[in-house]
Every structure is written in C-alpha cells, then in structure tokens.
C-alpha cells in the first residue's frame, strides 16, 4: 500500500478529523487555531481578520465565531473556496506576489493576520524548512503592512535553523512574541506556530 493511502487512512481515523466533521468544521486544523486563541487571546468581537492560505476554510469559520457578525473576514488562497465560507471575502492569488491593497480592499487595516500556510512538501527536510521559512517571512511582511497598531499575528513555521531568528523578527515588531505547538498538531510534525501580540506600527 502506498504511503499516501496510509496517510489518508490515518487522517480519516484521526480523532480531531472526526471531531471536526461532527461539529461542522471544514478541517481538523480548526482546533489548532482554537487552542492558540484560548492560550493567547487572539480575537475580540468586531475585529477585521485576514487569513493567508485560507483553504479549505476552517480557520475562517472559527474566526467568524469569535469576531461575530460585525467582524470582517478576508481570506487569500491560490484557488477559490467551495461555497460561501463564513461570509468572508476571498481573494484568489499567490501570497508571494499579491498586492496588499488587494487584500485590504476598502478596509484601512486588519486587527488579526493568520497564516496556516505550508509548502508543497518534497520529503527533503531542509528544503521543506527553507520553503516554510520563506512563506512565514512573507506572511510576517504582509502582516506588518496591513495590521493596525496593537494587532495580532499567528503564523505557522516548520522548525528549522532560522527558527530563533524568525521569532526575533516577530519580537522586533510586536510587544510579545511566543511560539507553541498545539496538541492537535500531529506528533511527527515539525510545525510550530509563532504568535505576535501588540503590533507596533
């Protein structure tokens, strides 16, 4: 049996996958964001949220539950999402080349920027880490361009040789910088989430 089929089977039987299906969320990744929010208080009602690499949409679903109907949600991904996800405005484009003005639209700024982006993995750990770091740096660059003062950032990063340097890059722009690996991340995963709270414009 191929590795992919084994992975598919383990995903189908994963308790977080089953829980997400039962609770109406589009992916198990929702519980990573929920755990980060419970730990770091990322959201408040009425906030404007940008989700980079938003497919399939579970982070937007969770963000809607936290910011409420008055909150504004914008998602970016390489292709359109299936259906209307949480009343979000979806921008189709490449995160590496997108103009931030397209993300902002008529909004002056965002209060929260999220990134659960991961590279198309090659199986070569050092290469995957480098690609993840490039995506994280781009997410942080976008965040610093669109966040309102005091805003929050949460981005995924494969832990590699530049991990400490990238946390310091967050610390230089935010009042607080922390890292965490949610319980719902798979044990074999090298992913970490870096949180920036209190953006300094």
N, C-alpha and C. Protein backbone atom coordinates (compact mmCIF):
# COMPACT_ATOMS: atom_id res chain seq x y z
N UNK A 1 0.86 -1.20 0.00
CA UNK A 1 0.00 0.00 0.00
C UNK A 1 0.88 1.24 0.00
N UNK A 2 0.48 2.26 -0.74
CA UNK A 2 1.30 3.47 -0.84
C UNK A 2 1.24 4.27 0.46
N UNK A 3 2.27 5.09 0.62
CA UNK A 3 2.35 5.95 1.81
C UNK A 3 1.16 6.89 1.86
N UNK A 4 0.77 7.43 0.69
CA UNK A 4 -0.34 8.38 0.66
C UNK A 4 -1.63 7.73 1.14
N UNK A 5 -1.85 6.48 0.73
CA UNK A 5 -3.08 5.80 1.15
C UNK A 5 -3.06 5.52 2.65
N UNK A 6 -1.86 5.21 3.16
CA UNK A 6 -1.75 5.04 4.62
C UNK A 6 -2.05 6.35 5.33
N UNK A 7 -1.51 7.45 4.78
CA UNK A 7 -1.75 8.77 5.38
C UNK A 7 -3.24 9.10 5.35
N UNK A 8 -3.89 8.79 4.22
CA UNK A 8 -5.32 9.07 4.10
C UNK A 8 -6.10 8.29 5.15
N UNK A 9 -5.71 7.04 5.34
CA UNK A 9 -6.43 6.21 6.31
C UNK A 9 -6.25 6.76 7.72
N UNK A 10 -5.00 7.14 8.06
CA UNK A 10 -4.75 7.67 9.41
C UNK A 10 -5.49 8.98 9.62
N UNK A 11 -5.59 9.79 8.55
CA UNK A 11 -6.33 11.06 8.65
C UNK A 11 -7.81 10.79 8.92
N UNK A 12 -8.37 9.83 8.21
CA UNK A 12 -9.80 9.53 8.37
C UNK A 12 -10.10 9.05 9.79
N UNK A 13 -9.14 8.39 10.41
CA UNK A 13 -9.38 7.85 11.74
C UNK A 13 -8.83 8.74 12.85
N UNK A 14 -8.28 9.88 12.49
CA UNK A 14 -7.76 10.83 13.45
C UNK A 14 -8.93 11.43 14.25
N UNK A 15 -8.78 11.51 15.58
CA UNK A 15 -9.91 11.96 16.42
C UNK A 15 -10.26 13.43 16.15
N UNK A 16 -9.28 14.25 15.81
CA UNK A 16 -9.58 15.65 15.51
C UNK A 16 -10.31 15.79 14.18
N UNK A 17 -9.95 14.93 13.23
CA UNK A 17 -10.67 14.92 11.94
C UNK A 17 -12.13 14.55 12.17
N UNK A 18 -12.34 13.51 12.97
CA UNK A 18 -13.71 13.06 13.25
C UNK A 18 -14.50 14.13 14.01
N UNK A 19 -13.82 14.79 14.95
CA UNK A 19 -14.47 15.84 15.73
C UNK A 19 -14.88 17.01 14.84
N UNK A 20 -13.98 17.40 13.92
CA UNK A 20 -14.29 18.50 13.01
C UNK A 20 -15.50 18.17 12.14
N UNK A 21 -15.53 16.95 11.65
CA UNK A 21 -16.64 16.52 10.81
C UNK A 21 -17.95 16.58 11.59
N UNK A 22 -17.90 16.13 12.83
CA UNK A 22 -19.09 16.11 13.69
C UNK A 22 -19.58 17.52 14.02
N UNK A 23 -18.65 18.44 14.20
CA UNK A 23 -19.00 19.80 14.63
C UNK A 23 -19.19 20.76 13.45
N UNK A 24 -19.07 20.25 12.22
CA UNK A 24 -19.37 21.08 11.05
C UNK A 24 -18.23 21.96 10.58
N UNK A 25 -17.00 21.65 11.01
CA UNK A 25 -15.85 22.43 10.53
C UNK A 25 -15.25 21.75 9.31
N UNK A 26 -14.64 22.55 8.46
CA UNK A 26 -14.13 22.06 7.18
C UNK A 26 -12.81 21.32 7.27
N UNK A 27 -12.10 21.42 8.39
CA UNK A 27 -10.82 20.72 8.54
C UNK A 27 -10.45 20.63 10.02
N UNK A 28 -9.62 19.64 10.34
CA UNK A 28 -9.15 19.44 11.72
C UNK A 28 -8.28 20.60 12.20
N UNK A 29 -7.71 21.37 11.27
CA UNK A 29 -6.83 22.49 11.63
C UNK A 29 -7.52 23.53 12.50
N UNK A 30 -8.85 23.51 12.51
CA UNK A 30 -9.60 24.49 13.31
C UNK A 30 -9.20 24.40 14.78
N UNK A 31 -8.87 23.20 15.26
CA UNK A 31 -8.57 23.04 16.68
C UNK A 31 -7.19 23.60 17.04
N UNK A 32 -6.31 23.71 16.04
CA UNK A 32 -5.04 24.38 16.30
C UNK A 32 -5.28 25.86 16.59
N UNK A 33 -6.11 26.48 15.76
CA UNK A 33 -6.41 27.90 15.97
C UNK A 33 -7.18 28.11 17.26
N UNK A 34 -8.11 27.23 17.56
CA UNK A 34 -8.87 27.35 18.80
C UNK A 34 -7.93 27.30 20.01
N UNK A 35 -6.98 26.38 19.98
CA UNK A 35 -6.04 26.25 21.09
C UNK A 35 -5.14 27.49 21.20
N UNK A 36 -4.68 27.99 20.07
CA UNK A 36 -3.85 29.21 20.09
C UNK A 36 -4.64 30.40 20.62
N UNK A 37 -5.91 30.49 20.22
CA UNK A 37 -6.77 31.58 20.69
C UNK A 37 -7.01 31.49 22.20
N UNK A 38 -7.26 30.28 22.67
CA UNK A 38 -7.50 30.10 24.11
C UNK A 38 -6.26 30.44 24.93
N UNK A 39 -5.10 30.20 24.35
CA UNK A 39 -3.84 30.45 25.07
C UNK A 39 -3.39 31.90 24.97
N UNK A 40 -3.62 32.53 23.79
CA UNK A 40 -3.06 33.85 23.55
C UNK A 40 -4.10 34.96 23.33
N UNK A 41 -5.39 34.62 23.37
CA UNK A 41 -6.47 35.61 23.21
C UNK A 41 -6.28 36.45 21.95
N UNK A 42 -6.39 35.80 20.80
CA UNK A 42 -6.12 36.46 19.53
C UNK A 42 -7.25 37.36 19.05
N UNK A 43 -8.49 37.03 19.42
CA UNK A 43 -9.65 37.68 18.81
C UNK A 43 -10.50 38.45 19.82
N UNK A 44 -11.20 39.45 19.27
CA UNK A 44 -12.24 40.18 20.00
C UNK A 44 -13.41 40.41 19.04
N UNK A 45 -14.62 40.57 19.56
CA UNK A 45 -15.77 40.84 18.69
C UNK A 45 -15.55 42.07 17.81
N UNK A 46 -16.01 41.99 16.57
CA UNK A 46 -15.95 43.13 15.66
C UNK A 46 -14.64 43.33 14.93
N UNK A 47 -13.68 42.44 15.14
CA UNK A 47 -12.37 42.64 14.51
C UNK A 47 -12.37 42.32 13.02
N UNK A 48 -11.33 42.83 12.36
CA UNK A 48 -11.08 42.59 10.94
C UNK A 48 -9.94 41.58 10.85
N UNK A 49 -10.19 40.46 10.17
CA UNK A 49 -9.25 39.33 10.19
C UNK A 49 -8.84 38.97 8.76
N UNK A 50 -7.54 38.78 8.56
CA UNK A 50 -7.00 38.30 7.29
C UNK A 50 -6.41 36.92 7.50
N UNK A 51 -6.84 35.96 6.68
CA UNK A 51 -6.36 34.57 6.77
C UNK A 51 -5.61 34.24 5.48
N UNK A 52 -4.29 34.08 5.58
CA UNK A 52 -3.44 33.77 4.43
C UNK A 52 -3.35 32.26 4.24
N UNK A 53 -3.62 31.79 3.02
CA UNK A 53 -3.65 30.35 2.78
C UNK A 53 -4.86 29.74 3.45
N UNK A 54 -6.03 30.30 3.16
CA UNK A 54 -7.24 30.04 3.96
C UNK A 54 -7.96 28.73 3.65
N UNK A 55 -7.66 28.08 2.52
CA UNK A 55 -8.37 26.83 2.18
C UNK A 55 -8.06 25.73 3.21
N UNK A 56 -9.03 24.89 3.51
CA UNK A 56 -10.40 24.85 2.98
C UNK A 56 -11.39 25.78 3.67
N UNK A 57 -10.96 26.46 4.76
CA UNK A 57 -11.82 27.48 5.35
C UNK A 57 -12.16 27.32 6.82
N UNK A 58 -11.58 26.33 7.48
CA UNK A 58 -11.95 26.11 8.89
C UNK A 58 -11.48 27.24 9.80
N UNK A 59 -10.33 27.87 9.47
CA UNK A 59 -9.87 28.98 10.31
C UNK A 59 -10.80 30.18 10.15
N UNK A 60 -11.32 30.39 8.96
CA UNK A 60 -12.30 31.46 8.76
C UNK A 60 -13.58 31.16 9.54
N UNK A 61 -13.99 29.90 9.54
CA UNK A 61 -15.18 29.51 10.30
C UNK A 61 -14.99 29.84 11.79
N UNK A 62 -13.83 29.48 12.32
CA UNK A 62 -13.57 29.74 13.74
C UNK A 62 -13.49 31.25 14.01
N UNK A 63 -12.79 31.96 13.13
CA UNK A 63 -12.66 33.41 13.31
C UNK A 63 -14.03 34.07 13.33
N UNK A 64 -14.94 33.63 12.46
CA UNK A 64 -16.30 34.18 12.46
C UNK A 64 -16.97 33.96 13.80
N UNK A 65 -16.78 32.79 14.39
CA UNK A 65 -17.42 32.50 15.68
C UNK A 65 -16.88 33.41 16.79
N UNK A 66 -15.69 33.96 16.60
CA UNK A 66 -15.07 34.80 17.63
C UNK A 66 -15.30 36.30 17.38
N UNK A 67 -15.30 36.72 16.12
CA UNK A 67 -15.46 38.16 15.86
C UNK A 67 -16.92 38.55 15.67
N UNK A 68 -17.79 37.56 15.43
CA UNK A 68 -19.21 37.83 15.29
C UNK A 68 -19.58 38.41 13.94
N UNK A 69 -20.85 38.72 13.80
CA UNK A 69 -21.37 39.21 12.51
C UNK A 69 -20.81 40.58 12.13
N UNK A 70 -20.42 41.38 13.11
CA UNK A 70 -19.88 42.72 12.82
C UNK A 70 -18.43 42.66 12.34
N UNK A 71 -17.76 41.54 12.60
CA UNK A 71 -16.38 41.39 12.17
C UNK A 71 -16.28 41.22 10.66
N UNK A 72 -15.12 41.55 10.12
CA UNK A 72 -14.87 41.43 8.68
C UNK A 72 -13.80 40.37 8.45
N UNK A 73 -14.06 39.45 7.54
CA UNK A 73 -13.12 38.37 7.25
C UNK A 73 -12.68 38.43 5.79
N UNK A 74 -11.37 38.32 5.58
CA UNK A 74 -10.81 38.23 4.23
C UNK A 74 -9.87 37.03 4.21
N UNK A 75 -9.99 36.20 3.17
CA UNK A 75 -9.11 35.06 3.02
C UNK A 75 -8.37 35.12 1.69
N UNK A 76 -7.15 34.63 1.67
CA UNK A 76 -6.36 34.54 0.44
C UNK A 76 -5.97 33.09 0.20
N UNK A 77 -6.16 32.62 -1.02
CA UNK A 77 -5.64 31.30 -1.38
C UNK A 77 -5.41 31.25 -2.89
N UNK A 78 -4.76 30.18 -3.33
CA UNK A 78 -4.40 30.05 -4.74
C UNK A 78 -5.59 29.74 -5.63
N UNK A 79 -6.67 29.28 -5.04
CA UNK A 79 -7.88 28.98 -5.81
C UNK A 79 -9.11 29.34 -5.00
N UNK A 80 -10.27 29.41 -5.64
CA UNK A 80 -11.50 29.75 -4.91
C UNK A 80 -11.89 28.65 -3.93
N UNK A 81 -12.56 29.03 -2.86
CA UNK A 81 -13.06 28.05 -1.89
C UNK A 81 -14.41 27.53 -2.35
N UNK A 82 -14.75 26.37 -1.84
CA UNK A 82 -16.06 25.80 -2.17
C UNK A 82 -17.13 26.47 -1.31
N UNK A 83 -18.02 27.18 -1.96
CA UNK A 83 -19.12 27.80 -1.23
C UNK A 83 -18.71 29.07 -0.51
N UNK A 84 -19.68 29.64 0.18
CA UNK A 84 -19.50 30.89 0.92
C UNK A 84 -19.06 30.55 2.34
N UNK A 85 -17.78 30.76 2.64
CA UNK A 85 -17.24 30.36 3.94
C UNK A 85 -17.34 31.51 4.92
N UNK A 86 -18.24 31.38 5.87
CA UNK A 86 -18.36 32.32 6.98
C UNK A 86 -18.54 33.77 6.54
N UNK A 87 -19.11 33.98 5.35
CA UNK A 87 -19.32 35.34 4.87
C UNK A 87 -18.04 36.10 4.60
N UNK A 88 -16.96 35.37 4.31
CA UNK A 88 -15.67 36.01 4.08
C UNK A 88 -15.53 36.46 2.63
N UNK A 89 -14.76 37.52 2.42
CA UNK A 89 -14.35 37.91 1.06
C UNK A 89 -13.09 37.13 0.72
N UNK A 90 -13.13 36.35 -0.35
CA UNK A 90 -12.00 35.51 -0.72
C UNK A 90 -11.26 36.13 -1.90
N UNK A 91 -9.97 36.31 -1.72
CA UNK A 91 -9.10 36.82 -2.78
C UNK A 91 -8.31 35.64 -3.33
N UNK A 92 -8.35 35.45 -4.64
CA UNK A 92 -7.59 34.38 -5.28
C UNK A 92 -6.28 34.97 -5.81
N UNK A 93 -5.17 34.41 -5.36
CA UNK A 93 -3.88 34.92 -5.79
C UNK A 93 -2.73 34.20 -5.11
N UNK A 94 -1.53 34.57 -5.49
CA UNK A 94 -0.30 33.99 -4.95
C UNK A 94 0.20 34.89 -3.82
N UNK A 95 0.38 34.31 -2.65
CA UNK A 95 0.79 35.11 -1.48
C UNK A 95 2.12 35.80 -1.71
N UNK A 96 2.98 35.22 -2.54
CA UNK A 96 4.31 35.79 -2.76
C UNK A 96 4.29 37.02 -3.64
N UNK A 97 3.23 37.18 -4.43
CA UNK A 97 3.18 38.31 -5.37
C UNK A 97 1.98 39.23 -5.18
N UNK A 98 1.05 38.87 -4.30
CA UNK A 98 -0.17 39.65 -4.13
C UNK A 98 0.13 41.06 -3.63
N UNK A 99 -0.61 42.01 -4.13
CA UNK A 99 -0.52 43.40 -3.67
C UNK A 99 -1.40 43.53 -2.43
N UNK A 100 -0.84 44.05 -1.34
CA UNK A 100 -1.60 44.13 -0.09
C UNK A 100 -2.84 45.00 -0.24
N UNK A 101 -2.82 45.92 -1.20
CA UNK A 101 -4.01 46.76 -1.42
C UNK A 101 -5.20 45.91 -1.84
N UNK A 102 -4.93 44.81 -2.55
CA UNK A 102 -5.99 43.91 -2.97
C UNK A 102 -6.58 43.18 -1.76
N UNK A 103 -5.74 42.89 -0.78
CA UNK A 103 -6.21 42.23 0.44
C UNK A 103 -7.04 43.19 1.29
N UNK A 104 -6.58 44.42 1.40
CA UNK A 104 -7.29 45.41 2.22
C UNK A 104 -8.64 45.79 1.61
N UNK A 105 -8.70 45.89 0.28
CA UNK A 105 -9.94 46.36 -0.33
C UNK A 105 -10.27 47.75 0.19
N UNK A 106 -11.44 47.90 0.78
CA UNK A 106 -11.85 49.19 1.33
C UNK A 106 -11.52 49.32 2.82
N UNK A 107 -10.91 48.30 3.40
CA UNK A 107 -10.56 48.36 4.82
C UNK A 107 -9.28 49.17 5.01
N UNK A 108 -9.19 49.95 6.09
CA UNK A 108 -7.97 50.70 6.35
C UNK A 108 -6.85 49.81 6.90
N UNK A 109 -7.23 48.73 7.60
CA UNK A 109 -6.25 47.86 8.23
C UNK A 109 -6.96 46.60 8.74
N UNK A 110 -6.16 45.63 9.18
CA UNK A 110 -6.68 44.43 9.86
C UNK A 110 -6.26 44.44 11.32
N UNK A 111 -7.03 43.75 12.14
CA UNK A 111 -6.69 43.61 13.56
C UNK A 111 -5.96 42.30 13.86
N UNK A 112 -6.18 41.30 13.01
CA UNK A 112 -5.55 39.99 13.18
C UNK A 112 -5.13 39.48 11.80
N UNK A 113 -3.90 38.98 11.69
CA UNK A 113 -3.45 38.30 10.48
C UNK A 113 -3.04 36.88 10.85
N UNK A 114 -3.59 35.91 10.12
CA UNK A 114 -3.35 34.50 10.37
C UNK A 114 -2.67 33.87 9.17
N UNK A 115 -1.81 32.90 9.42
CA UNK A 115 -1.21 32.13 8.32
C UNK A 115 -1.01 30.69 8.76
N UNK A 116 -1.74 29.78 8.11
CA UNK A 116 -1.53 28.35 8.31
C UNK A 116 -0.87 27.76 7.07
N UNK A 117 -0.15 28.61 6.33
CA UNK A 117 0.44 28.17 5.07
C UNK A 117 1.58 27.19 5.29
N UNK A 118 1.63 26.18 4.42
CA UNK A 118 2.73 25.23 4.41
C UNK A 118 3.13 24.99 2.96
N UNK A 119 4.40 24.73 2.72
CA UNK A 119 4.84 24.49 1.34
C UNK A 119 4.36 23.12 0.84
N UNK A 120 4.35 22.96 -0.46
CA UNK A 120 4.17 21.62 -1.03
C UNK A 120 5.42 20.84 -0.64
N UNK A 121 5.26 19.85 0.24
CA UNK A 121 6.43 19.19 0.82
C UNK A 121 7.11 18.28 -0.19
N UNK A 122 8.45 18.26 -0.10
CA UNK A 122 9.29 17.47 -1.00
C UNK A 122 9.76 16.17 -0.36
N UNK A 123 9.69 16.11 0.98
CA UNK A 123 10.26 14.98 1.70
C UNK A 123 11.69 15.23 2.12
N UNK A 124 12.29 16.29 1.57
CA UNK A 124 13.64 16.69 1.98
C UNK A 124 13.49 17.74 3.08
N UNK A 125 13.81 17.36 4.30
CA UNK A 125 13.50 18.19 5.46
C UNK A 125 14.07 19.60 5.36
N UNK A 126 15.34 19.72 4.97
CA UNK A 126 15.97 21.04 4.92
C UNK A 126 15.31 21.93 3.87
N UNK A 127 14.92 21.34 2.74
CA UNK A 127 14.25 22.10 1.69
C UNK A 127 12.86 22.54 2.14
N UNK A 128 12.13 21.64 2.79
CA UNK A 128 10.79 21.98 3.28
C UNK A 128 10.86 23.07 4.34
N UNK A 129 11.87 23.00 5.21
CA UNK A 129 12.04 24.04 6.23
C UNK A 129 12.31 25.39 5.57
N UNK A 130 13.17 25.40 4.56
CA UNK A 130 13.51 26.66 3.88
C UNK A 130 12.28 27.26 3.19
N UNK A 131 11.48 26.41 2.57
CA UNK A 131 10.26 26.89 1.90
C UNK A 131 9.26 27.41 2.92
N UNK A 132 9.15 26.72 4.05
CA UNK A 132 8.25 27.17 5.12
C UNK A 132 8.69 28.51 5.67
N UNK A 133 9.99 28.67 5.86
CA UNK A 133 10.53 29.93 6.37
C UNK A 133 10.23 31.08 5.41
N UNK A 134 10.32 30.81 4.10
CA UNK A 134 10.02 31.85 3.11
C UNK A 134 8.56 32.26 3.18
N UNK A 135 7.66 31.29 3.33
CA UNK A 135 6.24 31.60 3.45
C UNK A 135 5.96 32.38 4.74
N UNK A 136 6.60 31.97 5.82
CA UNK A 136 6.40 32.66 7.11
C UNK A 136 6.90 34.11 7.01
N UNK A 137 8.06 34.30 6.42
CA UNK A 137 8.60 35.66 6.28
C UNK A 137 7.67 36.53 5.44
N UNK A 138 7.08 35.95 4.40
CA UNK A 138 6.14 36.70 3.56
C UNK A 138 4.88 37.03 4.35
N UNK A 139 4.39 36.07 5.14
CA UNK A 139 3.20 36.32 5.96
C UNK A 139 3.47 37.45 6.95
N UNK A 140 4.66 37.44 7.55
CA UNK A 140 5.03 38.50 8.50
C UNK A 140 5.16 39.84 7.79
N UNK A 141 5.71 39.82 6.59
CA UNK A 141 5.83 41.05 5.80
C UNK A 141 4.45 41.63 5.49
N UNK A 142 3.53 40.78 5.09
CA UNK A 142 2.16 41.25 4.82
C UNK A 142 1.53 41.78 6.10
N UNK A 143 1.71 41.05 7.20
CA UNK A 143 1.14 41.48 8.48
C UNK A 143 1.62 42.87 8.87
N UNK A 144 2.91 43.11 8.71
CA UNK A 144 3.43 44.43 9.09
C UNK A 144 2.94 45.54 8.16
N UNK A 145 2.47 45.15 6.98
CA UNK A 145 1.95 46.13 6.05
C UNK A 145 0.48 46.44 6.21
N UNK A 146 -0.26 45.54 6.87
CA UNK A 146 -1.72 45.72 6.93
C UNK A 146 -2.29 45.79 8.34
N UNK A 147 -1.50 45.45 9.37
CA UNK A 147 -2.05 45.43 10.73
C UNK A 147 -2.21 46.84 11.30
N UNK A 148 -3.28 47.01 12.04
CA UNK A 148 -3.47 48.23 12.83
C UNK A 148 -2.59 48.15 14.07
N UNK A 149 -2.20 49.30 14.65
CA UNK A 149 -1.43 49.27 15.89
C UNK A 149 -2.14 48.44 16.96
N UNK A 150 -1.37 47.60 17.65
CA UNK A 150 -1.95 46.73 18.67
C UNK A 150 -2.48 45.41 18.13
N UNK A 151 -2.39 45.20 16.80
CA UNK A 151 -2.93 43.99 16.19
C UNK A 151 -2.13 42.74 16.52
N UNK A 152 -2.71 41.59 16.16
CA UNK A 152 -2.11 40.29 16.47
C UNK A 152 -1.79 39.49 15.21
N UNK A 153 -0.80 38.62 15.33
CA UNK A 153 -0.34 37.79 14.22
C UNK A 153 -0.12 36.37 14.72
N UNK A 154 -0.51 35.38 13.90
CA UNK A 154 -0.23 33.98 14.21
C UNK A 154 0.15 33.28 12.92
N UNK A 155 1.36 32.71 12.85
CA UNK A 155 1.83 32.09 11.63
C UNK A 155 2.50 30.76 11.87
N UNK A 156 2.28 29.83 10.93
CA UNK A 156 2.90 28.51 11.01
C UNK A 156 4.30 28.54 10.44
N UNK A 157 5.18 27.74 11.06
CA UNK A 157 6.57 27.70 10.66
C UNK A 157 7.13 26.31 10.95
N UNK A 158 7.75 25.68 9.96
CA UNK A 158 8.45 24.42 10.21
C UNK A 158 9.74 24.75 10.95
N UNK A 159 9.94 24.12 12.09
CA UNK A 159 11.09 24.45 12.92
C UNK A 159 12.38 24.04 12.23
N UNK A 160 13.24 25.03 11.98
CA UNK A 160 14.50 24.79 11.29
C UNK A 160 15.60 25.67 11.84
N UNK A 161 16.70 25.79 11.10
CA UNK A 161 17.87 26.52 11.62
C UNK A 161 17.63 28.01 11.87
N UNK A 162 16.66 28.61 11.15
CA UNK A 162 16.40 30.05 11.32
C UNK A 162 15.24 30.34 12.27
N UNK A 163 14.80 29.34 13.01
CA UNK A 163 13.62 29.49 13.86
C UNK A 163 13.78 30.65 14.86
N UNK A 164 14.89 30.67 15.58
CA UNK A 164 15.11 31.72 16.58
C UNK A 164 15.19 33.10 15.93
N UNK A 165 15.82 33.17 14.78
CA UNK A 165 15.95 34.44 14.06
C UNK A 165 14.58 34.98 13.67
N UNK A 166 13.70 34.08 13.25
CA UNK A 166 12.36 34.50 12.82
C UNK A 166 11.50 34.92 14.02
N UNK A 167 11.66 34.25 15.15
CA UNK A 167 10.96 34.69 16.36
C UNK A 167 11.44 36.09 16.76
N UNK A 168 12.73 36.32 16.63
CA UNK A 168 13.26 37.65 16.93
C UNK A 168 12.71 38.70 15.97
N UNK A 169 12.48 38.31 14.72
CA UNK A 169 11.89 39.24 13.75
C UNK A 169 10.48 39.62 14.18
N UNK A 170 9.74 38.66 14.74
CA UNK A 170 8.41 38.96 15.27
C UNK A 170 8.52 39.85 16.50
N UNK A 171 9.46 39.52 17.38
CA UNK A 171 9.63 40.29 18.62
C UNK A 171 9.99 41.74 18.33
N UNK A 172 10.69 41.99 17.23
CA UNK A 172 11.10 43.36 16.90
C UNK A 172 9.92 44.21 16.44
N UNK A 173 8.79 43.56 16.09
CA UNK A 173 7.63 44.30 15.56
C UNK A 173 6.42 44.27 16.49
N UNK A 174 6.45 43.37 17.50
CA UNK A 174 5.31 43.20 18.40
C UNK A 174 5.76 43.30 19.85
N UNK A 175 4.82 43.65 20.72
CA UNK A 175 5.14 43.74 22.15
C UNK A 175 5.48 42.38 22.73
N UNK A 176 4.86 41.32 22.20
CA UNK A 176 5.12 39.96 22.69
C UNK A 176 5.33 39.04 21.50
N UNK A 177 6.23 38.07 21.65
CA UNK A 177 6.43 37.02 20.65
C UNK A 177 6.56 35.69 21.36
N UNK A 178 5.73 34.74 21.00
CA UNK A 178 5.71 33.42 21.64
C UNK A 178 5.62 32.35 20.57
N UNK A 179 6.00 31.14 20.90
CA UNK A 179 5.80 30.01 19.99
C UNK A 179 5.07 28.90 20.73
N UNK A 180 4.33 28.09 19.97
CA UNK A 180 3.56 27.00 20.57
C UNK A 180 3.32 25.92 19.53
N UNK A 181 3.20 24.68 20.00
CA UNK A 181 2.78 23.58 19.14
C UNK A 181 1.48 23.04 19.72
N UNK A 182 0.35 23.27 19.06
CA UNK A 182 -0.94 22.83 19.61
C UNK A 182 -1.01 21.31 19.73
N UNK A 183 -1.82 20.86 20.67
CA UNK A 183 -2.00 19.43 20.89
C UNK A 183 -2.57 18.73 19.67
N UNK A 184 -3.33 19.47 18.86
CA UNK A 184 -3.94 18.86 17.68
C UNK A 184 -2.98 18.77 16.49
N UNK A 185 -1.77 19.33 16.62
CA UNK A 185 -0.75 19.08 15.59
C UNK A 185 -0.32 17.63 15.69
N UNK A 186 -0.08 17.01 14.56
CA UNK A 186 0.35 15.61 14.58
C UNK A 186 1.73 15.52 15.23
N UNK A 187 1.94 14.45 16.01
CA UNK A 187 3.18 14.31 16.78
C UNK A 187 4.42 14.34 15.90
N UNK A 188 4.32 13.76 14.69
CA UNK A 188 5.50 13.70 13.82
C UNK A 188 5.79 15.03 13.13
N UNK A 189 4.87 15.97 13.24
CA UNK A 189 5.01 17.24 12.54
C UNK A 189 6.08 18.12 13.19
N UNK A 190 6.85 18.84 12.35
CA UNK A 190 7.85 19.79 12.86
C UNK A 190 7.29 21.21 12.88
N UNK A 191 5.96 21.33 12.72
CA UNK A 191 5.36 22.66 12.68
C UNK A 191 5.29 23.29 14.06
N UNK A 192 5.48 24.59 14.08
CA UNK A 192 5.28 25.41 15.27
C UNK A 192 4.45 26.61 14.83
N UNK A 193 3.80 27.25 15.77
CA UNK A 193 3.09 28.50 15.48
C UNK A 193 3.75 29.61 16.27
N UNK A 194 4.03 30.70 15.57
CA UNK A 194 4.66 31.86 16.21
C UNK A 194 3.60 32.95 16.32
N UNK A 195 3.45 33.46 17.54
CA UNK A 195 2.41 34.44 17.85
C UNK A 195 3.06 35.79 18.14
N UNK A 196 2.53 36.83 17.48
CA UNK A 196 2.94 38.19 17.81
C UNK A 196 1.71 38.94 18.33
N UNK A 197 1.84 39.55 19.49
CA UNK A 197 0.73 40.32 20.08
C UNK A 197 1.16 41.76 20.30
N UNK A 198 0.28 42.68 19.93
CA UNK A 198 0.55 44.09 20.14
C UNK A 198 1.48 44.67 19.09
N UNK A 199 1.00 44.74 17.85
CA UNK A 199 1.82 45.25 16.76
C UNK A 199 2.21 46.70 16.97
N UNK A 200 3.49 46.98 16.73
CA UNK A 200 4.00 48.35 16.83
C UNK A 200 4.17 48.88 15.41
N UNK A 201 3.34 49.83 15.04
CA UNK A 201 3.35 50.37 13.67
C UNK A 201 4.62 51.14 13.42
